[in-house]
């Protein structure tokens, strides 16, 4: 399916998730593969078209899953949707430390050096201990679904996307390719050891040269 945003497309229908537990990841890059711009964040490469779908995917989600490093780099504020921070250290990012109970959850490991601090800041019931040295992301998804978060949105970053794919947790990958080339040594939308995840294109949305693709991950 190819949809033009200017044709009054019902994007809520285009991006509707199946009526089942579902984890989608939303990432942006330039044509030459850069996932960040000159300031080291995705904000310096995204555009208004990407923002429309970015906001829609958040609205359609029950909770947002993000790596702790991305929360810090991108300066995430406390939002309307619960935020699940994935961290092997258990360190709660500064912008999330004043959140109300239940607004921020932590997915971490039993060996995390800041585990007790996370429990103190967020509440023990909001800290998910999922493994000893590596966060078990499949267990994380199951635990969140049990809490009523059936439709999960991850916004990366690249390390977390790689790990989600490696552990077979991603159902859908939503990509924005903005019509820019910036060269340099910027990160891609995945980062880490090789992983092979076959994808099936479901929809392609185009507006002013920006391409927004919805890919289903072949399990």
N, C-alpha and C. Protein backbone atom coordinates (compact mmCIF):
# COMPACT_ATOMS: atom_id res chain seq x y z
N UNK A 1 0.85 -1.19 0.00
CA UNK A 1 0.00 0.00 0.00
C UNK A 1 0.88 1.24 0.00
N UNK A 2 0.57 2.20 -0.88
CA UNK A 2 1.27 3.49 -0.89
C UNK A 2 0.24 4.55 -0.58
N UNK A 3 0.48 5.35 0.44
CA UNK A 3 -0.48 6.35 0.89
C UNK A 3 0.19 7.71 0.87
N UNK A 4 -0.47 8.71 0.31
CA UNK A 4 0.02 10.08 0.37
C UNK A 4 -0.67 10.80 1.51
N UNK A 5 0.11 11.42 2.38
CA UNK A 5 -0.49 12.11 3.53
C UNK A 5 -1.45 13.20 3.08
N UNK A 6 -1.15 13.83 1.96
CA UNK A 6 -2.00 14.89 1.46
C UNK A 6 -3.34 14.42 0.93
N UNK A 7 -3.56 13.14 0.84
CA UNK A 7 -4.82 12.59 0.34
C UNK A 7 -5.79 12.27 1.47
N UNK A 8 -5.60 12.92 2.62
CA UNK A 8 -6.47 12.73 3.77
C UNK A 8 -6.55 11.26 4.20
N UNK A 9 -5.41 10.61 4.18
CA UNK A 9 -5.37 9.21 4.59
C UNK A 9 -5.68 9.10 6.08
N UNK A 10 -6.38 8.05 6.44
CA UNK A 10 -6.66 7.78 7.83
C UNK A 10 -5.45 7.06 8.41
N UNK A 11 -4.50 7.82 8.93
CA UNK A 11 -3.27 7.22 9.41
C UNK A 11 -3.50 6.32 10.62
N UNK A 12 -4.54 6.61 11.40
CA UNK A 12 -4.85 5.74 12.53
C UNK A 12 -5.17 4.34 12.05
N UNK A 13 -5.84 4.24 10.90
CA UNK A 13 -6.14 2.92 10.33
C UNK A 13 -4.90 2.31 9.70
N UNK A 14 -4.09 3.15 9.04
CA UNK A 14 -2.86 2.65 8.40
C UNK A 14 -1.93 2.03 9.43
N UNK A 15 -1.84 2.63 10.61
CA UNK A 15 -0.90 2.16 11.64
C UNK A 15 -1.56 1.38 12.77
N UNK A 16 -2.82 1.01 12.60
CA UNK A 16 -3.51 0.26 13.65
C UNK A 16 -2.81 -1.06 13.93
N UNK A 17 -2.60 -1.37 15.20
CA UNK A 17 -1.96 -2.64 15.59
C UNK A 17 -3.02 -3.73 15.70
N UNK A 18 -2.64 -4.98 15.48
CA UNK A 18 -3.58 -6.09 15.66
C UNK A 18 -4.08 -6.16 17.10
N UNK A 19 -5.22 -6.79 17.28
CA UNK A 19 -5.80 -6.93 18.62
C UNK A 19 -5.13 -8.09 19.35
N UNK A 20 -3.87 -7.88 19.68
CA UNK A 20 -3.07 -8.87 20.39
C UNK A 20 -1.86 -8.14 20.97
N UNK A 21 -1.15 -8.74 21.91
CA UNK A 21 0.08 -8.10 22.39
C UNK A 21 1.01 -7.78 21.22
N UNK A 22 1.51 -6.55 21.18
CA UNK A 22 2.23 -6.09 19.99
C UNK A 22 3.30 -5.10 20.41
N UNK A 23 4.53 -5.30 19.92
CA UNK A 23 5.61 -4.37 20.19
C UNK A 23 6.14 -3.84 18.87
N UNK A 24 6.05 -2.54 18.71
CA UNK A 24 6.57 -1.91 17.50
C UNK A 24 7.70 -0.96 17.88
N UNK A 25 8.64 -0.78 16.96
CA UNK A 25 9.76 0.13 17.17
C UNK A 25 9.71 1.21 16.10
N UNK A 26 9.87 2.45 16.49
CA UNK A 26 9.82 3.58 15.56
C UNK A 26 11.19 4.26 15.54
N UNK A 27 11.78 4.36 14.33
CA UNK A 27 13.11 4.95 14.19
C UNK A 27 13.15 5.85 12.95
N UNK A 28 14.05 6.84 12.98
CA UNK A 28 14.21 7.77 11.87
C UNK A 28 15.66 7.77 11.41
N UNK A 29 15.86 7.98 10.10
CA UNK A 29 17.23 8.08 9.57
C UNK A 29 17.21 8.93 8.30
N UNK A 30 18.40 9.34 7.88
CA UNK A 30 18.56 10.03 6.60
C UNK A 30 18.69 9.00 5.50
N UNK A 31 18.70 9.46 4.24
CA UNK A 31 18.84 8.54 3.11
C UNK A 31 20.16 7.78 3.19
N UNK A 32 21.22 8.41 3.69
CA UNK A 32 22.50 7.71 3.79
C UNK A 32 22.68 7.00 5.13
N UNK A 33 21.59 6.80 5.87
CA UNK A 33 21.61 5.88 7.01
C UNK A 33 21.92 6.46 8.36
N UNK A 34 22.06 7.79 8.47
CA UNK A 34 22.37 8.40 9.77
C UNK A 34 21.12 8.46 10.64
N UNK A 35 21.25 7.98 11.88
CA UNK A 35 20.12 8.01 12.80
C UNK A 35 20.15 9.24 13.71
N UNK A 36 21.22 10.01 13.63
CA UNK A 36 21.34 11.25 14.39
C UNK A 36 21.95 12.32 13.50
N UNK A 37 21.75 13.57 13.89
CA UNK A 37 22.34 14.67 13.15
C UNK A 37 23.54 15.26 13.85
N UNK A 38 23.83 16.52 13.55
CA UNK A 38 25.06 17.14 14.04
C UNK A 38 25.10 17.30 15.55
N UNK A 39 23.93 17.33 16.21
CA UNK A 39 23.93 17.49 17.67
C UNK A 39 23.90 16.15 18.40
N UNK A 40 23.99 15.04 17.65
CA UNK A 40 24.02 13.73 18.27
C UNK A 40 22.66 13.19 18.67
N UNK A 41 21.57 13.87 18.28
CA UNK A 41 20.23 13.40 18.58
C UNK A 41 19.43 13.24 17.29
N UNK A 42 18.30 12.54 17.39
CA UNK A 42 17.44 12.36 16.22
C UNK A 42 16.65 13.63 15.91
N UNK A 43 16.55 14.54 16.88
CA UNK A 43 15.78 15.78 16.66
C UNK A 43 16.34 16.59 15.51
N UNK A 44 17.65 16.49 15.27
CA UNK A 44 18.26 17.31 14.23
C UNK A 44 18.11 16.72 12.83
N UNK A 45 17.43 15.56 12.70
CA UNK A 45 17.16 15.03 11.36
C UNK A 45 15.68 14.81 11.10
N UNK A 46 14.85 14.76 12.15
CA UNK A 46 13.44 14.51 11.86
C UNK A 46 12.76 15.79 11.37
N UNK A 47 11.54 15.63 10.84
CA UNK A 47 10.83 16.76 10.26
C UNK A 47 9.35 16.69 10.63
N UNK A 48 8.56 17.60 10.06
CA UNK A 48 7.16 17.67 10.42
C UNK A 48 6.37 16.43 10.04
N UNK A 49 6.71 15.82 8.91
CA UNK A 49 6.02 14.60 8.49
C UNK A 49 6.28 13.48 9.48
N UNK A 50 7.53 13.32 9.86
CA UNK A 50 7.89 12.30 10.85
C UNK A 50 7.19 12.56 12.18
N UNK A 51 7.07 13.84 12.55
CA UNK A 51 6.44 14.19 13.83
C UNK A 51 4.97 13.77 13.86
N UNK A 52 4.29 13.86 12.73
CA UNK A 52 2.88 13.45 12.68
C UNK A 52 2.74 11.98 13.06
N UNK A 53 3.57 11.13 12.45
CA UNK A 53 3.49 9.69 12.72
C UNK A 53 4.07 9.37 14.10
N UNK A 54 5.12 10.07 14.50
CA UNK A 54 5.70 9.90 15.84
C UNK A 54 4.62 10.11 16.91
N UNK A 55 3.88 11.21 16.79
CA UNK A 55 2.82 11.51 17.77
C UNK A 55 1.70 10.48 17.69
N UNK A 56 1.35 10.05 16.48
CA UNK A 56 0.28 9.07 16.32
C UNK A 56 0.65 7.75 16.98
N UNK A 57 1.88 7.28 16.76
CA UNK A 57 2.28 5.99 17.34
C UNK A 57 2.28 6.06 18.87
N UNK A 58 2.67 7.18 19.41
CA UNK A 58 2.58 7.33 20.87
C UNK A 58 1.14 7.26 21.34
N UNK A 59 0.26 7.93 20.60
CA UNK A 59 -1.15 7.94 20.98
C UNK A 59 -1.75 6.54 20.93
N UNK A 60 -1.31 5.72 19.97
CA UNK A 60 -1.84 4.37 19.81
C UNK A 60 -1.24 3.38 20.80
N UNK A 61 -0.22 3.78 21.53
CA UNK A 61 0.48 2.86 22.43
C UNK A 61 -0.09 2.92 23.84
N UNK A 62 0.16 1.85 24.60
CA UNK A 62 -0.19 1.83 26.03
C UNK A 62 1.00 2.25 26.89
N UNK A 63 2.22 2.03 26.38
CA UNK A 63 3.44 2.41 27.10
C UNK A 63 4.57 2.53 26.10
N UNK A 64 5.58 3.33 26.46
CA UNK A 64 6.73 3.58 25.59
C UNK A 64 7.98 2.98 26.24
N UNK A 65 8.71 2.17 25.47
CA UNK A 65 9.90 1.47 25.95
C UNK A 65 11.14 2.12 25.33
N UNK A 66 12.08 2.59 26.16
CA UNK A 66 13.25 3.30 25.66
C UNK A 66 14.48 2.92 26.48
N UNK A 67 15.62 2.80 25.81
CA UNK A 67 16.87 2.57 26.50
C UNK A 67 17.27 3.78 27.33
N UNK A 68 17.91 3.53 28.48
CA UNK A 68 18.26 4.62 29.39
C UNK A 68 19.17 5.65 28.73
N UNK A 69 20.10 5.20 27.90
CA UNK A 69 21.00 6.13 27.23
C UNK A 69 20.26 7.08 26.31
N UNK A 70 19.26 6.57 25.60
CA UNK A 70 18.47 7.41 24.71
C UNK A 70 17.63 8.40 25.50
N UNK A 71 17.09 7.97 26.65
CA UNK A 71 16.33 8.89 27.50
C UNK A 71 17.21 10.08 27.89
N UNK A 72 18.47 9.81 28.23
CA UNK A 72 19.39 10.88 28.65
C UNK A 72 19.77 11.77 27.46
N UNK A 73 20.19 11.14 26.35
CA UNK A 73 20.68 11.90 25.20
C UNK A 73 19.59 12.76 24.59
N UNK A 74 18.39 12.18 24.45
CA UNK A 74 17.29 12.89 23.81
C UNK A 74 16.53 13.80 24.78
N UNK A 75 16.86 13.72 26.06
CA UNK A 75 16.23 14.59 27.04
C UNK A 75 14.75 14.33 27.23
N UNK A 76 14.37 13.06 27.34
CA UNK A 76 12.96 12.71 27.51
C UNK A 76 12.39 13.38 28.75
N UNK A 77 11.24 14.02 28.58
CA UNK A 77 10.50 14.54 29.72
C UNK A 77 9.47 13.50 30.16
N UNK A 78 8.92 13.67 31.33
CA UNK A 78 7.85 12.80 31.79
C UNK A 78 6.63 13.05 30.90
N UNK A 79 6.11 12.00 30.29
CA UNK A 79 5.01 12.15 29.34
C UNK A 79 3.69 11.62 29.86
N UNK A 80 2.68 11.65 29.01
CA UNK A 80 1.35 11.17 29.39
C UNK A 80 1.31 9.65 29.46
N UNK A 81 2.08 8.99 28.58
CA UNK A 81 2.10 7.53 28.56
C UNK A 81 3.20 7.02 29.49
N UNK A 82 2.96 5.90 30.18
CA UNK A 82 4.02 5.33 31.01
C UNK A 82 5.28 5.07 30.20
N UNK A 83 6.42 5.36 30.80
CA UNK A 83 7.71 5.16 30.15
C UNK A 83 8.42 4.00 30.82
N UNK A 84 8.87 3.04 30.02
CA UNK A 84 9.63 1.90 30.53
C UNK A 84 11.09 2.10 30.12
N UNK A 85 11.95 2.32 31.10
CA UNK A 85 13.36 2.57 30.85
C UNK A 85 14.13 1.25 30.99
N UNK A 86 14.86 0.88 29.95
CA UNK A 86 15.65 -0.35 29.96
C UNK A 86 17.09 0.00 30.31
N UNK A 87 17.60 -0.58 31.39
CA UNK A 87 18.95 -0.22 31.86
C UNK A 87 19.58 -1.38 32.60
N UNK A 88 20.80 -1.74 32.23
CA UNK A 88 21.52 -2.78 32.97
C UNK A 88 22.15 -2.25 34.25
N UNK A 89 22.23 -0.93 34.39
CA UNK A 89 22.81 -0.36 35.62
C UNK A 89 21.73 -0.01 36.65
N UNK A 90 20.50 0.14 36.18
CA UNK A 90 19.42 0.53 37.09
C UNK A 90 19.42 2.00 37.45
N UNK A 91 20.20 2.81 36.76
CA UNK A 91 20.26 4.23 37.05
C UNK A 91 19.08 4.95 36.41
N UNK A 92 18.29 5.65 37.21
CA UNK A 92 17.13 6.38 36.71
C UNK A 92 17.60 7.70 36.11
N UNK A 93 17.29 7.97 34.83
CA UNK A 93 17.71 9.24 34.21
C UNK A 93 17.18 10.43 34.99
N UNK A 94 17.94 11.52 35.05
CA UNK A 94 17.55 12.69 35.84
C UNK A 94 16.16 13.22 35.52
N UNK A 95 15.78 13.22 34.25
CA UNK A 95 14.49 13.80 33.86
C UNK A 95 13.30 12.97 34.33
N UNK A 96 13.56 11.75 34.82
CA UNK A 96 12.48 10.86 35.22
C UNK A 96 12.39 10.69 36.74
N UNK A 97 13.25 11.32 37.48
CA UNK A 97 13.33 11.06 38.92
C UNK A 97 12.18 11.67 39.72
N UNK A 98 11.50 12.64 39.15
CA UNK A 98 10.40 13.29 39.88
C UNK A 98 9.03 12.82 39.40
N UNK A 99 9.01 11.75 38.59
CA UNK A 99 7.74 11.26 38.03
C UNK A 99 6.85 10.68 39.13
N UNK A 100 5.55 10.78 38.92
CA UNK A 100 4.61 10.14 39.83
C UNK A 100 4.76 8.63 39.77
N UNK A 101 4.38 7.96 40.84
CA UNK A 101 4.47 6.50 40.88
C UNK A 101 3.67 5.89 39.75
N UNK A 102 4.31 5.02 38.99
CA UNK A 102 3.66 4.35 37.88
C UNK A 102 3.88 5.02 36.54
N UNK A 103 4.35 6.27 36.53
CA UNK A 103 4.64 6.94 35.26
C UNK A 103 5.90 6.39 34.61
N UNK A 104 6.85 5.95 35.44
CA UNK A 104 8.12 5.43 34.94
C UNK A 104 8.36 4.05 35.54
N UNK A 105 8.66 3.08 34.69
CA UNK A 105 9.06 1.75 35.13
C UNK A 105 10.49 1.51 34.68
N UNK A 106 11.18 0.64 35.38
CA UNK A 106 12.55 0.29 35.05
C UNK A 106 12.63 -1.20 34.77
N UNK A 107 13.21 -1.57 33.62
CA UNK A 107 13.52 -2.97 33.32
C UNK A 107 15.03 -3.12 33.46
N UNK A 108 15.46 -3.94 34.41
CA UNK A 108 16.88 -4.03 34.72
C UNK A 108 17.24 -5.45 35.14
N UNK A 109 18.42 -5.61 35.75
CA UNK A 109 18.92 -6.94 36.12
C UNK A 109 19.28 -6.96 37.60
N UNK A 110 19.44 -8.16 38.13
CA UNK A 110 19.69 -8.32 39.57
C UNK A 110 21.05 -7.80 39.99
N UNK A 111 22.00 -7.73 39.05
CA UNK A 111 23.34 -7.23 39.38
C UNK A 111 23.49 -5.73 39.14
N UNK A 112 22.42 -5.03 38.82
CA UNK A 112 22.49 -3.60 38.55
C UNK A 112 23.01 -2.84 39.77
N UNK A 113 24.05 -2.03 39.61
CA UNK A 113 24.63 -1.33 40.76
C UNK A 113 23.68 -0.31 41.39
N UNK A 114 22.71 0.18 40.64
CA UNK A 114 21.79 1.19 41.17
C UNK A 114 20.39 0.63 41.40
N UNK A 115 20.30 -0.69 41.58
CA UNK A 115 19.00 -1.34 41.72
C UNK A 115 18.20 -0.78 42.90
N UNK A 116 18.82 -0.70 44.06
CA UNK A 116 18.09 -0.23 45.24
C UNK A 116 17.70 1.24 45.11
N UNK A 117 18.54 2.02 44.48
CA UNK A 117 18.20 3.43 44.25
C UNK A 117 16.98 3.53 43.34
N UNK A 118 16.93 2.68 42.30
CA UNK A 118 15.78 2.69 41.39
C UNK A 118 14.51 2.33 42.14
N UNK A 119 14.59 1.33 43.02
CA UNK A 119 13.42 0.94 43.80
C UNK A 119 12.97 2.07 44.71
N UNK A 120 13.92 2.78 45.27
CA UNK A 120 13.58 3.89 46.16
C UNK A 120 12.92 5.03 45.40
N UNK A 121 13.43 5.33 44.20
CA UNK A 121 12.92 6.45 43.43
C UNK A 121 11.58 6.14 42.76
N UNK A 122 11.46 4.92 42.22
CA UNK A 122 10.30 4.58 41.39
C UNK A 122 9.27 3.74 42.11
N UNK A 123 9.67 3.11 43.23
CA UNK A 123 8.79 2.16 43.90
C UNK A 123 9.13 0.75 43.47
N UNK A 124 9.26 -0.15 44.42
CA UNK A 124 9.67 -1.51 44.11
C UNK A 124 8.81 -2.20 43.08
N UNK A 125 7.50 -1.90 43.09
CA UNK A 125 6.58 -2.54 42.15
C UNK A 125 6.78 -2.07 40.71
N UNK A 126 7.52 -0.97 40.55
CA UNK A 126 7.76 -0.42 39.21
C UNK A 126 9.15 -0.75 38.67
N UNK A 127 9.89 -1.59 39.38
CA UNK A 127 11.21 -2.02 38.92
C UNK A 127 11.14 -3.51 38.59
N UNK A 128 11.31 -3.84 37.33
CA UNK A 128 11.24 -5.22 36.86
C UNK A 128 12.65 -5.79 36.76
N UNK A 129 12.94 -6.79 37.57
CA UNK A 129 14.25 -7.44 37.54
C UNK A 129 14.13 -8.65 36.63
N UNK A 130 14.81 -8.58 35.49
CA UNK A 130 14.60 -9.55 34.41
C UNK A 130 15.93 -10.15 33.97
N UNK A 131 16.49 -11.00 34.82
CA UNK A 131 17.77 -11.61 34.51
C UNK A 131 18.86 -11.13 35.44
N UNK A 132 20.04 -11.72 35.30
CA UNK A 132 21.14 -11.37 36.18
C UNK A 132 22.12 -10.38 35.55
N UNK A 133 22.44 -10.57 34.26
CA UNK A 133 23.40 -9.69 33.60
C UNK A 133 22.86 -9.07 32.31
N UNK A 134 21.87 -9.70 31.71
CA UNK A 134 21.26 -9.18 30.49
C UNK A 134 19.76 -9.07 30.71
N UNK A 135 19.17 -7.95 30.31
CA UNK A 135 17.72 -7.80 30.46
C UNK A 135 17.02 -8.75 29.50
N UNK A 136 16.19 -9.63 30.05
CA UNK A 136 15.40 -10.57 29.25
C UNK A 136 14.22 -9.79 28.67
N UNK A 137 14.34 -9.40 27.41
CA UNK A 137 13.35 -8.51 26.81
C UNK A 137 12.04 -9.23 26.49
N UNK A 138 12.10 -10.53 26.25
CA UNK A 138 10.86 -11.29 26.05
C UNK A 138 10.05 -11.32 27.36
N UNK A 139 10.74 -11.54 28.48
CA UNK A 139 10.06 -11.49 29.78
C UNK A 139 9.52 -10.09 30.06
N UNK A 140 10.27 -9.08 29.67
CA UNK A 140 9.81 -7.71 29.85
C UNK A 140 8.48 -7.50 29.13
N UNK A 141 8.43 -7.92 27.88
CA UNK A 141 7.19 -7.78 27.11
C UNK A 141 6.04 -8.50 27.80
N UNK A 142 6.28 -9.74 28.24
CA UNK A 142 5.23 -10.51 28.91
C UNK A 142 4.77 -9.82 30.19
N UNK A 143 5.72 -9.31 30.97
CA UNK A 143 5.38 -8.65 32.23
C UNK A 143 4.54 -7.39 31.98
N UNK A 144 4.90 -6.65 30.96
CA UNK A 144 4.17 -5.43 30.66
C UNK A 144 2.76 -5.74 30.17
N UNK A 145 2.63 -6.79 29.36
CA UNK A 145 1.30 -7.19 28.90
C UNK A 145 0.43 -7.58 30.08
N UNK A 146 1.01 -8.30 31.05
CA UNK A 146 0.25 -8.69 32.24
C UNK A 146 -0.23 -7.48 33.02
N UNK A 147 0.49 -6.38 32.92
CA UNK A 147 0.10 -5.14 33.61
C UNK A 147 -0.90 -4.32 32.79
N UNK A 148 -1.30 -4.84 31.64
CA UNK A 148 -2.29 -4.15 30.82
C UNK A 148 -1.72 -3.34 29.68
N UNK A 149 -0.40 -3.38 29.49
CA UNK A 149 0.24 -2.64 28.40
C UNK A 149 0.37 -3.57 27.19
N UNK A 150 -0.71 -3.74 26.44
CA UNK A 150 -0.73 -4.70 25.33
C UNK A 150 -0.02 -4.15 24.09
N UNK A 151 -0.16 -2.87 23.83
CA UNK A 151 0.45 -2.27 22.65
C UNK A 151 1.63 -1.41 23.10
N UNK A 152 2.83 -1.90 22.81
CA UNK A 152 4.06 -1.27 23.27
C UNK A 152 4.77 -0.60 22.11
N UNK A 153 5.28 0.60 22.37
CA UNK A 153 6.06 1.34 21.39
C UNK A 153 7.46 1.54 21.93
N UNK A 154 8.47 1.12 21.16
CA UNK A 154 9.85 1.43 21.53
C UNK A 154 10.39 2.47 20.57
N UNK A 155 11.15 3.41 21.12
CA UNK A 155 11.79 4.44 20.31
C UNK A 155 13.31 4.29 20.35
N UNK A 156 13.76 3.06 20.58
CA UNK A 156 15.18 2.78 20.58
C UNK A 156 15.82 3.05 21.93
N UNK A 157 17.09 3.39 21.89
CA UNK A 157 17.92 3.68 20.75
C UNK A 157 18.44 2.48 20.00
N UNK A 158 19.52 2.71 19.22
CA UNK A 158 20.06 1.68 18.35
C UNK A 158 20.49 0.41 19.07
N UNK A 159 21.08 0.51 20.26
CA UNK A 159 21.47 -0.70 20.99
C UNK A 159 20.24 -1.50 21.40
N UNK A 160 19.21 -0.82 21.89
CA UNK A 160 18.02 -1.52 22.32
C UNK A 160 17.31 -2.15 21.13
N UNK A 161 17.21 -1.46 20.00
CA UNK A 161 16.58 -2.06 18.82
C UNK A 161 17.31 -3.32 18.41
N UNK A 162 18.64 -3.26 18.40
CA UNK A 162 19.41 -4.46 18.05
C UNK A 162 19.09 -5.61 18.99
N UNK A 163 19.04 -5.34 20.29
CA UNK A 163 18.78 -6.40 21.27
C UNK A 163 17.35 -6.92 21.17
N UNK A 164 16.40 -6.03 20.92
CA UNK A 164 15.01 -6.47 20.75
C UNK A 164 14.88 -7.40 19.55
N UNK A 165 15.56 -7.07 18.46
CA UNK A 165 15.54 -7.93 17.28
C UNK A 165 16.23 -9.26 17.57
N UNK A 166 17.36 -9.18 18.24
CA UNK A 166 18.14 -10.39 18.53
C UNK A 166 17.36 -11.36 19.40
N UNK A 167 16.56 -10.84 20.33
CA UNK A 167 15.80 -11.69 21.23
C UNK A 167 14.40 -12.02 20.69
N UNK A 168 14.13 -11.61 19.46
CA UNK A 168 12.87 -11.98 18.81
C UNK A 168 11.64 -11.35 19.41
N UNK A 169 11.76 -10.13 19.91
CA UNK A 169 10.66 -9.48 20.63
C UNK A 169 9.87 -8.52 19.74
N UNK A 170 10.47 -8.04 18.66
CA UNK A 170 9.83 -7.02 17.82
C UNK A 170 8.80 -7.64 16.88
N UNK A 171 7.61 -7.08 16.88
CA UNK A 171 6.58 -7.48 15.93
C UNK A 171 6.57 -6.59 14.69
N UNK A 172 6.94 -5.33 14.89
CA UNK A 172 6.82 -4.35 13.80
C UNK A 172 7.91 -3.30 13.93
N UNK A 173 8.47 -2.91 12.78
CA UNK A 173 9.45 -1.83 12.73
C UNK A 173 8.89 -0.73 11.84
N UNK A 174 8.77 0.47 12.39
CA UNK A 174 8.30 1.62 11.64
C UNK A 174 9.48 2.56 11.40
N UNK A 175 9.77 2.81 10.14
CA UNK A 175 10.94 3.63 9.81
C UNK A 175 10.53 4.89 9.05
N UNK A 176 11.21 5.96 9.36
CA UNK A 176 11.10 7.20 8.60
C UNK A 176 12.43 7.47 7.93
N UNK A 177 12.42 7.69 6.63
CA UNK A 177 13.63 8.10 5.91
C UNK A 177 13.39 9.52 5.41
N UNK A 178 14.14 10.46 5.96
CA UNK A 178 13.98 11.86 5.57
C UNK A 178 14.86 12.14 4.35
N UNK A 179 14.42 13.06 3.47
CA UNK A 179 15.16 13.31 2.22
C UNK A 179 16.38 14.20 2.45
N UNK A 180 17.35 13.65 3.16
CA UNK A 180 18.60 14.35 3.44
C UNK A 180 19.75 13.36 3.41
N UNK A 181 20.95 13.84 3.10
CA UNK A 181 22.19 13.08 3.24
C UNK A 181 23.16 13.97 3.99
N UNK A 182 23.77 13.41 5.06
CA UNK A 182 24.62 14.26 5.90
C UNK A 182 26.04 13.72 6.06
N UNK A 183 26.29 12.49 5.58
CA UNK A 183 27.63 11.89 5.66
C UNK A 183 28.11 11.83 7.10
N UNK A 184 29.41 11.81 7.33
CA UNK A 184 29.94 11.73 8.68
C UNK A 184 29.88 10.31 9.24
N UNK A 185 30.13 10.19 10.53
CA UNK A 185 30.21 8.89 11.19
C UNK A 185 29.05 8.69 12.16
N UNK A 186 27.87 9.13 11.77
CA UNK A 186 26.70 9.02 12.64
C UNK A 186 26.25 7.57 12.79
N UNK A 187 25.60 7.28 13.90
CA UNK A 187 25.11 5.92 14.16
C UNK A 187 23.96 5.58 13.22
N UNK A 188 23.80 4.28 12.98
CA UNK A 188 22.63 3.79 12.25
C UNK A 188 21.51 3.51 13.25
N UNK A 189 20.37 3.01 12.76
CA UNK A 189 19.25 2.78 13.67
C UNK A 189 19.45 1.53 14.50
N UNK A 190 20.42 0.68 14.15
CA UNK A 190 20.83 -0.42 15.01
C UNK A 190 22.32 -0.31 15.28
N UNK A 191 22.73 -0.81 16.45
CA UNK A 191 24.13 -0.74 16.83
C UNK A 191 24.44 -1.96 17.70
N UNK A 192 25.52 -2.67 17.37
CA UNK A 192 25.91 -3.84 18.14
C UNK A 192 26.29 -5.00 17.24
N UNK A 193 26.47 -6.18 17.81
CA UNK A 193 26.83 -7.37 17.02
C UNK A 193 25.79 -7.65 15.95
N UNK A 194 26.19 -8.37 14.88
CA UNK A 194 25.28 -8.64 13.77
C UNK A 194 24.01 -9.37 14.22
N UNK A 195 22.90 -9.02 13.57
CA UNK A 195 21.63 -9.70 13.78
C UNK A 195 20.91 -9.72 12.44
N UNK A 196 20.26 -10.83 12.13
CA UNK A 196 19.56 -10.98 10.86
C UNK A 196 18.07 -11.13 11.13
N UNK A 197 17.29 -10.11 10.79
CA UNK A 197 15.86 -10.12 11.07
C UNK A 197 15.10 -9.86 9.77
N UNK A 198 14.53 -10.88 9.14
CA UNK A 198 13.77 -10.69 7.89
C UNK A 198 12.54 -9.83 8.14
N UNK A 199 12.25 -8.94 7.19
CA UNK A 199 11.12 -8.02 7.31
C UNK A 199 10.19 -8.17 6.11
N UNK A 200 8.91 -7.84 6.33
CA UNK A 200 7.92 -7.82 5.25
C UNK A 200 7.28 -6.44 5.23
N UNK A 201 7.35 -5.78 4.08
CA UNK A 201 6.79 -4.44 3.97
C UNK A 201 5.27 -4.50 3.98
N UNK A 202 4.65 -3.76 4.90
CA UNK A 202 3.19 -3.73 5.01
C UNK A 202 2.61 -2.48 4.34
N UNK A 203 3.16 -1.30 4.66
CA UNK A 203 2.70 -0.07 4.04
C UNK A 203 3.87 0.87 3.80
N UNK A 204 3.68 1.77 2.82
CA UNK A 204 4.67 2.81 2.54
C UNK A 204 3.92 4.12 2.36
N UNK A 205 4.25 5.08 3.21
CA UNK A 205 3.61 6.39 3.19
C UNK A 205 4.63 7.41 2.70
N UNK A 206 4.23 8.28 1.76
CA UNK A 206 5.15 9.29 1.23
C UNK A 206 4.53 10.67 1.30
N UNK A 207 5.33 11.63 1.73
CA UNK A 207 4.91 13.03 1.72
C UNK A 207 6.14 13.91 1.57
N UNK A 208 6.17 14.70 0.50
CA UNK A 208 7.28 15.63 0.26
C UNK A 208 8.64 14.94 0.30
N UNK A 209 8.70 13.72 -0.20
CA UNK A 209 9.97 12.99 -0.26
C UNK A 209 10.30 12.20 0.98
N UNK A 210 9.58 12.41 2.08
CA UNK A 210 9.79 11.63 3.29
C UNK A 210 9.06 10.30 3.15
N UNK A 211 9.76 9.22 3.41
CA UNK A 211 9.19 7.87 3.28
C UNK A 211 9.00 7.25 4.65
N UNK A 212 7.78 6.84 4.93
CA UNK A 212 7.45 6.20 6.22
C UNK A 212 6.98 4.78 5.93
N UNK A 213 7.77 3.82 6.34
CA UNK A 213 7.48 2.42 6.05
C UNK A 213 7.07 1.68 7.31
N UNK A 214 6.11 0.80 7.13
CA UNK A 214 5.70 -0.08 8.22
C UNK A 214 6.10 -1.50 7.83
N UNK A 215 7.01 -2.07 8.59
CA UNK A 215 7.55 -3.41 8.33
C UNK A 215 7.09 -4.38 9.41
N UNK A 216 6.67 -5.56 9.01
CA UNK A 216 6.39 -6.63 9.97
C UNK A 216 7.61 -7.53 10.04
N UNK A 217 7.99 -7.90 11.25
CA UNK A 217 9.15 -8.77 11.44
C UNK A 217 8.70 -10.22 11.29
N UNK A 218 9.37 -10.94 10.42
CA UNK A 218 9.05 -12.34 10.19
C UNK A 218 9.67 -13.17 11.30
N UNK A 219 8.83 -13.74 12.14
CA UNK A 219 9.32 -14.51 13.29
C UNK A 219 9.68 -15.95 12.86
